N, C-alpha and C. Protein backbone atom coordinates (compact mmCIF):
# COMPACT_ATOMS: atom_id res chain seq x y z
N LEU A 1 1.66 14.78 -4.90
CA LEU A 1 0.28 14.69 -5.34
C LEU A 1 -0.63 14.46 -4.15
N ARG A 2 -1.83 14.93 -4.26
CA ARG A 2 -2.84 14.60 -3.28
C ARG A 2 -3.34 13.21 -3.61
N ALA A 3 -3.38 12.33 -2.65
CA ALA A 3 -3.75 10.94 -2.88
C ALA A 3 -5.09 10.78 -3.59
N PRO A 4 -6.14 11.51 -3.20
CA PRO A 4 -7.42 11.30 -3.88
C PRO A 4 -7.38 11.61 -5.37
N SER A 5 -6.38 12.42 -5.82
CA SER A 5 -6.31 12.73 -7.24
C SER A 5 -5.73 11.58 -8.06
N LEU A 6 -5.15 10.59 -7.38
CA LEU A 6 -4.62 9.42 -8.07
C LEU A 6 -5.69 8.36 -8.16
N ALA A 7 -5.82 7.78 -9.31
CA ALA A 7 -6.76 6.68 -9.47
C ALA A 7 -6.15 5.42 -8.87
N LEU A 8 -6.98 4.59 -8.32
CA LEU A 8 -6.53 3.35 -7.70
C LEU A 8 -5.77 2.49 -8.70
N SER A 9 -6.09 2.59 -9.98
CA SER A 9 -5.45 1.76 -10.99
C SER A 9 -4.35 2.49 -11.77
N CYS A 10 -3.96 3.68 -11.34
CA CYS A 10 -2.95 4.46 -12.04
C CYS A 10 -1.63 3.69 -12.05
N SER A 11 -1.11 3.40 -13.22
CA SER A 11 0.04 2.51 -13.32
C SER A 11 1.37 3.19 -12.96
N ASN A 12 1.42 4.51 -12.93
CA ASN A 12 2.68 5.15 -12.59
C ASN A 12 2.58 5.94 -11.27
N ALA A 13 1.61 5.59 -10.44
CA ALA A 13 1.49 6.20 -9.12
C ALA A 13 2.33 5.40 -8.13
N VAL A 14 2.95 6.12 -7.20
CA VAL A 14 3.80 5.49 -6.20
C VAL A 14 3.43 6.06 -4.84
N LEU A 15 3.44 5.21 -3.82
CA LEU A 15 3.28 5.69 -2.46
C LEU A 15 4.50 5.30 -1.66
N ARG A 16 4.85 6.17 -0.71
CA ARG A 16 6.08 5.99 0.05
C ARG A 16 5.80 6.35 1.51
N CYS A 17 6.31 5.54 2.42
CA CYS A 17 6.16 5.80 3.85
C CYS A 17 7.32 6.68 4.29
N VAL A 18 7.02 7.81 4.87
CA VAL A 18 8.07 8.72 5.33
C VAL A 18 8.24 8.67 6.83
N ALA A 19 7.48 7.79 7.51
CA ALA A 19 7.56 7.73 8.97
C ALA A 19 7.79 6.31 9.48
N GLY A 20 8.13 5.40 8.61
CA GLY A 20 8.45 4.05 9.01
C GLY A 20 7.29 3.23 9.53
N GLY A 21 6.06 3.70 9.43
CA GLY A 21 4.91 2.93 9.88
C GLY A 21 4.23 3.50 11.11
N ARG A 22 4.60 4.71 11.51
CA ARG A 22 3.99 5.31 12.70
C ARG A 22 2.56 5.75 12.47
N CYS A 23 2.03 5.62 11.28
CA CYS A 23 0.65 6.05 11.03
C CYS A 23 -0.36 4.98 11.40
N ARG A 24 0.08 3.84 11.88
CA ARG A 24 -0.82 2.73 12.16
C ARG A 24 -1.97 3.09 13.08
N GLY A 25 -1.76 3.93 14.04
CA GLY A 25 -2.83 4.28 14.96
C GLY A 25 -3.73 5.39 14.47
N ARG A 26 -3.47 5.92 13.28
CA ARG A 26 -4.21 7.09 12.82
C ARG A 26 -4.96 6.88 11.52
N ILE A 27 -5.29 5.68 11.18
CA ILE A 27 -5.97 5.46 9.91
C ILE A 27 -7.45 5.21 10.08
N GLY A 28 -8.00 5.52 11.24
CA GLY A 28 -9.42 5.53 11.44
C GLY A 28 -10.08 4.17 11.47
N LEU A 29 -9.38 3.16 11.95
CA LEU A 29 -9.94 1.81 11.99
C LEU A 29 -9.88 1.27 13.40
N PRO A 30 -10.65 0.23 13.69
CA PRO A 30 -10.59 -0.36 15.02
C PRO A 30 -9.17 -0.81 15.36
N ALA A 31 -8.86 -0.80 16.63
CA ALA A 31 -7.52 -1.13 17.06
C ALA A 31 -7.22 -2.62 16.98
N ALA A 32 -8.21 -3.44 16.76
CA ALA A 32 -7.99 -4.89 16.72
C ALA A 32 -8.78 -5.49 15.57
N GLY A 33 -8.49 -6.74 15.31
CA GLY A 33 -9.26 -7.45 14.31
C GLY A 33 -8.54 -7.63 13.00
N GLN A 34 -9.23 -8.30 12.10
CA GLN A 34 -8.65 -8.66 10.82
C GLN A 34 -8.31 -7.44 9.97
N ALA A 35 -9.15 -6.42 10.01
CA ALA A 35 -8.89 -5.23 9.21
C ALA A 35 -7.60 -4.55 9.64
N MET A 36 -7.39 -4.43 10.93
CA MET A 36 -6.18 -3.78 11.42
C MET A 36 -4.94 -4.61 11.10
N ALA A 37 -5.04 -5.92 11.25
CA ALA A 37 -3.92 -6.80 10.90
C ALA A 37 -3.58 -6.66 9.42
N ALA A 38 -4.61 -6.56 8.59
CA ALA A 38 -4.39 -6.39 7.16
C ALA A 38 -3.69 -5.07 6.88
N LEU A 39 -4.11 -4.00 7.53
CA LEU A 39 -3.48 -2.71 7.28
C LEU A 39 -2.06 -2.65 7.82
N ASP A 40 -1.79 -3.36 8.90
CA ASP A 40 -0.40 -3.46 9.36
C ASP A 40 0.46 -4.11 8.27
N SER A 41 -0.07 -5.14 7.63
CA SER A 41 0.66 -5.82 6.54
C SER A 41 0.89 -4.87 5.38
N VAL A 42 -0.11 -4.08 5.05
CA VAL A 42 0.00 -3.12 3.95
C VAL A 42 1.09 -2.10 4.26
N LEU A 43 1.05 -1.54 5.45
CA LEU A 43 2.05 -0.54 5.82
C LEU A 43 3.45 -1.13 5.84
N ASP A 44 3.59 -2.37 6.28
CA ASP A 44 4.89 -3.04 6.23
C ASP A 44 5.40 -3.13 4.80
N GLU A 45 4.54 -3.52 3.87
CA GLU A 45 4.96 -3.66 2.47
C GLU A 45 5.35 -2.31 1.87
N VAL A 46 4.62 -1.26 2.21
CA VAL A 46 4.97 0.08 1.71
C VAL A 46 6.32 0.50 2.28
N ALA A 47 6.49 0.34 3.59
CA ALA A 47 7.74 0.77 4.23
C ALA A 47 8.94 -0.03 3.74
N LEU A 48 8.76 -1.31 3.44
CA LEU A 48 9.88 -2.14 2.98
C LEU A 48 10.43 -1.70 1.63
N GLU A 49 9.66 -0.97 0.87
CA GLU A 49 10.15 -0.50 -0.43
C GLU A 49 11.09 0.70 -0.30
N GLY A 50 11.18 1.27 0.88
CA GLY A 50 12.12 2.36 1.12
C GLY A 50 11.74 3.65 0.42
N LEU A 51 12.75 4.47 0.14
CA LEU A 51 12.49 5.79 -0.41
C LEU A 51 11.99 5.77 -1.85
N ASP A 52 12.21 4.65 -2.55
CA ASP A 52 11.69 4.56 -3.91
C ASP A 52 10.18 4.43 -3.93
N GLY A 53 9.61 3.95 -2.85
CA GLY A 53 8.16 3.77 -2.79
C GLY A 53 7.73 2.53 -3.55
N VAL A 54 6.45 2.28 -3.55
CA VAL A 54 5.89 1.10 -4.19
C VAL A 54 4.76 1.52 -5.12
N THR A 55 4.74 0.95 -6.30
CA THR A 55 3.62 1.22 -7.19
C THR A 55 2.41 0.45 -6.69
N ILE A 56 1.26 0.88 -7.10
CA ILE A 56 0.04 0.24 -6.65
C ILE A 56 -0.02 -1.21 -7.12
N SER A 57 0.34 -1.44 -8.36
CA SER A 57 0.29 -2.81 -8.87
C SER A 57 1.28 -3.72 -8.13
N THR A 58 2.45 -3.19 -7.79
CA THR A 58 3.42 -3.97 -7.03
C THR A 58 2.92 -4.23 -5.62
N LEU A 59 2.26 -3.25 -5.02
CA LEU A 59 1.69 -3.45 -3.70
C LEU A 59 0.68 -4.59 -3.71
N TRP A 60 -0.21 -4.60 -4.69
CA TRP A 60 -1.21 -5.69 -4.76
C TRP A 60 -0.51 -7.03 -4.96
N PHE A 61 0.51 -7.06 -5.80
CA PHE A 61 1.25 -8.31 -6.03
C PHE A 61 1.92 -8.79 -4.74
N ARG A 62 2.59 -7.88 -4.05
CA ARG A 62 3.29 -8.26 -2.83
C ARG A 62 2.31 -8.75 -1.75
N LEU A 63 1.16 -8.10 -1.65
CA LEU A 63 0.17 -8.54 -0.67
C LEU A 63 -0.39 -9.91 -1.02
N ASP A 64 -0.59 -10.14 -2.30
CA ASP A 64 -1.15 -11.41 -2.75
C ASP A 64 -0.17 -12.57 -2.55
N ASN A 65 1.13 -12.27 -2.50
CA ASN A 65 2.16 -13.30 -2.35
C ASN A 65 2.85 -13.24 -0.99
N ARG A 66 2.26 -12.56 -0.08
CA ARG A 66 2.87 -12.34 1.25
C ARG A 66 2.89 -13.62 2.08
N VAL A 67 3.98 -13.79 2.86
CA VAL A 67 4.09 -14.87 3.83
C VAL A 67 4.40 -14.22 5.17
N PRO A 68 3.55 -14.36 6.16
CA PRO A 68 2.29 -15.09 6.17
C PRO A 68 1.27 -14.43 5.25
N ALA A 69 0.29 -15.19 4.86
CA ALA A 69 -0.70 -14.74 3.89
C ALA A 69 -1.44 -13.49 4.37
N PHE A 70 -1.73 -12.61 3.42
CA PHE A 70 -2.53 -11.43 3.70
C PHE A 70 -3.91 -11.89 4.17
N PRO A 71 -4.43 -11.35 5.28
CA PRO A 71 -5.64 -11.91 5.88
C PRO A 71 -6.94 -11.62 5.15
N LEU A 72 -6.93 -10.77 4.15
CA LEU A 72 -8.15 -10.44 3.42
C LEU A 72 -8.02 -10.84 1.96
N HIS A 73 -9.13 -11.21 1.35
CA HIS A 73 -9.15 -11.51 -0.09
C HIS A 73 -9.01 -10.19 -0.84
N LEU A 74 -8.09 -10.11 -1.79
CA LEU A 74 -7.84 -8.86 -2.50
C LEU A 74 -8.79 -8.66 -3.68
N ASP A 75 -10.05 -8.56 -3.39
CA ASP A 75 -11.04 -8.25 -4.42
C ASP A 75 -11.14 -6.73 -4.57
N PRO A 76 -11.87 -6.23 -5.55
CA PRO A 76 -11.95 -4.78 -5.74
C PRO A 76 -12.42 -4.00 -4.51
N ALA A 77 -13.35 -4.55 -3.75
CA ALA A 77 -13.84 -3.85 -2.56
C ALA A 77 -12.74 -3.74 -1.49
N THR A 78 -11.96 -4.80 -1.32
CA THR A 78 -10.87 -4.77 -0.35
C THR A 78 -9.79 -3.79 -0.80
N LYS A 79 -9.48 -3.79 -2.09
CA LYS A 79 -8.48 -2.84 -2.60
C LYS A 79 -8.94 -1.40 -2.36
N GLN A 80 -10.23 -1.13 -2.55
CA GLN A 80 -10.76 0.21 -2.30
C GLN A 80 -10.65 0.56 -0.82
N PHE A 81 -10.96 -0.39 0.05
CA PHE A 81 -10.84 -0.20 1.50
C PHE A 81 -9.39 0.14 1.87
N VAL A 82 -8.45 -0.64 1.36
CA VAL A 82 -7.03 -0.43 1.65
C VAL A 82 -6.60 0.94 1.13
N TRP A 83 -7.00 1.28 -0.08
CA TRP A 83 -6.63 2.55 -0.69
C TRP A 83 -7.14 3.72 0.16
N GLU A 84 -8.38 3.65 0.60
CA GLU A 84 -8.95 4.74 1.41
C GLU A 84 -8.22 4.86 2.74
N ALA A 85 -7.84 3.74 3.33
CA ALA A 85 -7.07 3.79 4.58
C ALA A 85 -5.70 4.41 4.35
N LEU A 86 -5.06 4.06 3.25
CA LEU A 86 -3.74 4.61 2.95
C LEU A 86 -3.81 6.11 2.70
N THR A 87 -4.82 6.56 2.01
CA THR A 87 -4.93 7.99 1.72
C THR A 87 -5.18 8.81 2.98
N ALA A 88 -5.65 8.17 4.04
CA ALA A 88 -5.90 8.87 5.31
C ALA A 88 -4.66 8.94 6.19
N CYS A 89 -3.59 8.31 5.78
CA CYS A 89 -2.37 8.25 6.59
C CYS A 89 -1.45 9.42 6.21
N PRO A 90 -1.26 10.38 7.12
CA PRO A 90 -0.45 11.55 6.78
C PRO A 90 1.03 11.25 6.57
N GLU A 91 1.51 10.11 7.05
CA GLU A 91 2.93 9.78 6.90
C GLU A 91 3.24 9.10 5.58
N LEU A 92 2.26 8.93 4.74
CA LEU A 92 2.51 8.39 3.40
C LEU A 92 2.49 9.53 2.40
N THR A 93 3.42 9.49 1.48
CA THR A 93 3.40 10.47 0.40
C THR A 93 3.03 9.75 -0.89
N PHE A 94 2.39 10.46 -1.77
CA PHE A 94 1.93 9.92 -3.04
C PHE A 94 2.50 10.79 -4.15
N TYR A 95 3.01 10.15 -5.15
CA TYR A 95 3.51 10.92 -6.29
C TYR A 95 3.34 10.11 -7.55
N GLN A 96 3.44 10.81 -8.66
CA GLN A 96 3.27 10.17 -9.96
C GLN A 96 4.59 10.23 -10.70
N LEU A 97 5.03 9.06 -11.16
CA LEU A 97 6.29 8.98 -11.89
C LEU A 97 6.12 9.56 -13.29
N PRO A 98 7.17 10.16 -13.85
CA PRO A 98 7.07 10.67 -15.22
C PRO A 98 6.86 9.54 -16.23
N GLN A 99 7.40 8.37 -15.92
CA GLN A 99 7.24 7.19 -16.76
C GLN A 99 6.93 6.00 -15.87
N GLU A 100 6.23 5.03 -16.42
CA GLU A 100 5.94 3.82 -15.65
C GLU A 100 7.23 3.09 -15.32
N ARG A 101 7.24 2.43 -14.18
CA ARG A 101 8.37 1.57 -13.83
C ARG A 101 8.29 0.30 -14.66
N PRO A 102 9.43 -0.33 -14.88
CA PRO A 102 9.39 -1.63 -15.57
C PRO A 102 8.58 -2.61 -14.72
N PRO A 103 8.04 -3.64 -15.34
CA PRO A 103 7.28 -4.64 -14.57
C PRO A 103 8.14 -5.27 -13.48
N LEU A 104 7.50 -5.61 -12.40
CA LEU A 104 8.19 -6.25 -11.28
C LEU A 104 8.71 -7.61 -11.70
N VAL A 105 9.96 -7.88 -11.37
CA VAL A 105 10.54 -9.20 -11.59
C VAL A 105 10.57 -9.88 -10.22
N TYR A 106 9.78 -10.92 -10.09
CA TYR A 106 9.63 -11.59 -8.80
C TYR A 106 10.60 -12.75 -8.70
N HIS A 107 11.35 -12.78 -7.61
CA HIS A 107 12.28 -13.87 -7.34
C HIS A 107 11.78 -14.60 -6.10
N ASP A 108 11.34 -15.83 -6.25
CA ASP A 108 10.88 -16.63 -5.14
C ASP A 108 12.08 -17.20 -4.41
N ARG A 109 12.23 -16.81 -3.15
CA ARG A 109 13.41 -17.26 -2.41
C ARG A 109 13.06 -18.37 -1.49
């Protein structure tokens, strides 16, 4: 799927990193600062899900519970910012599952 065709709140949309995080320098943001640190965290979370990819709702959950803490408040404007940065990364693929994944079961370790 083309990323812009997916709604930010689409419950069965998945994104997957196919380059292990090499898109960090190509997402059109300053090379330093809080925004870049935040996007590094986002790309790490996407890549950690492997070939199965991560649903958008799981990505928001993982960022909200990340240690160390995600550096930005995950309000709607920040989610839109993150989404637009992700859609600009050519090493991420976006696809829509035929059925929604079961809800994430979180295990606090």
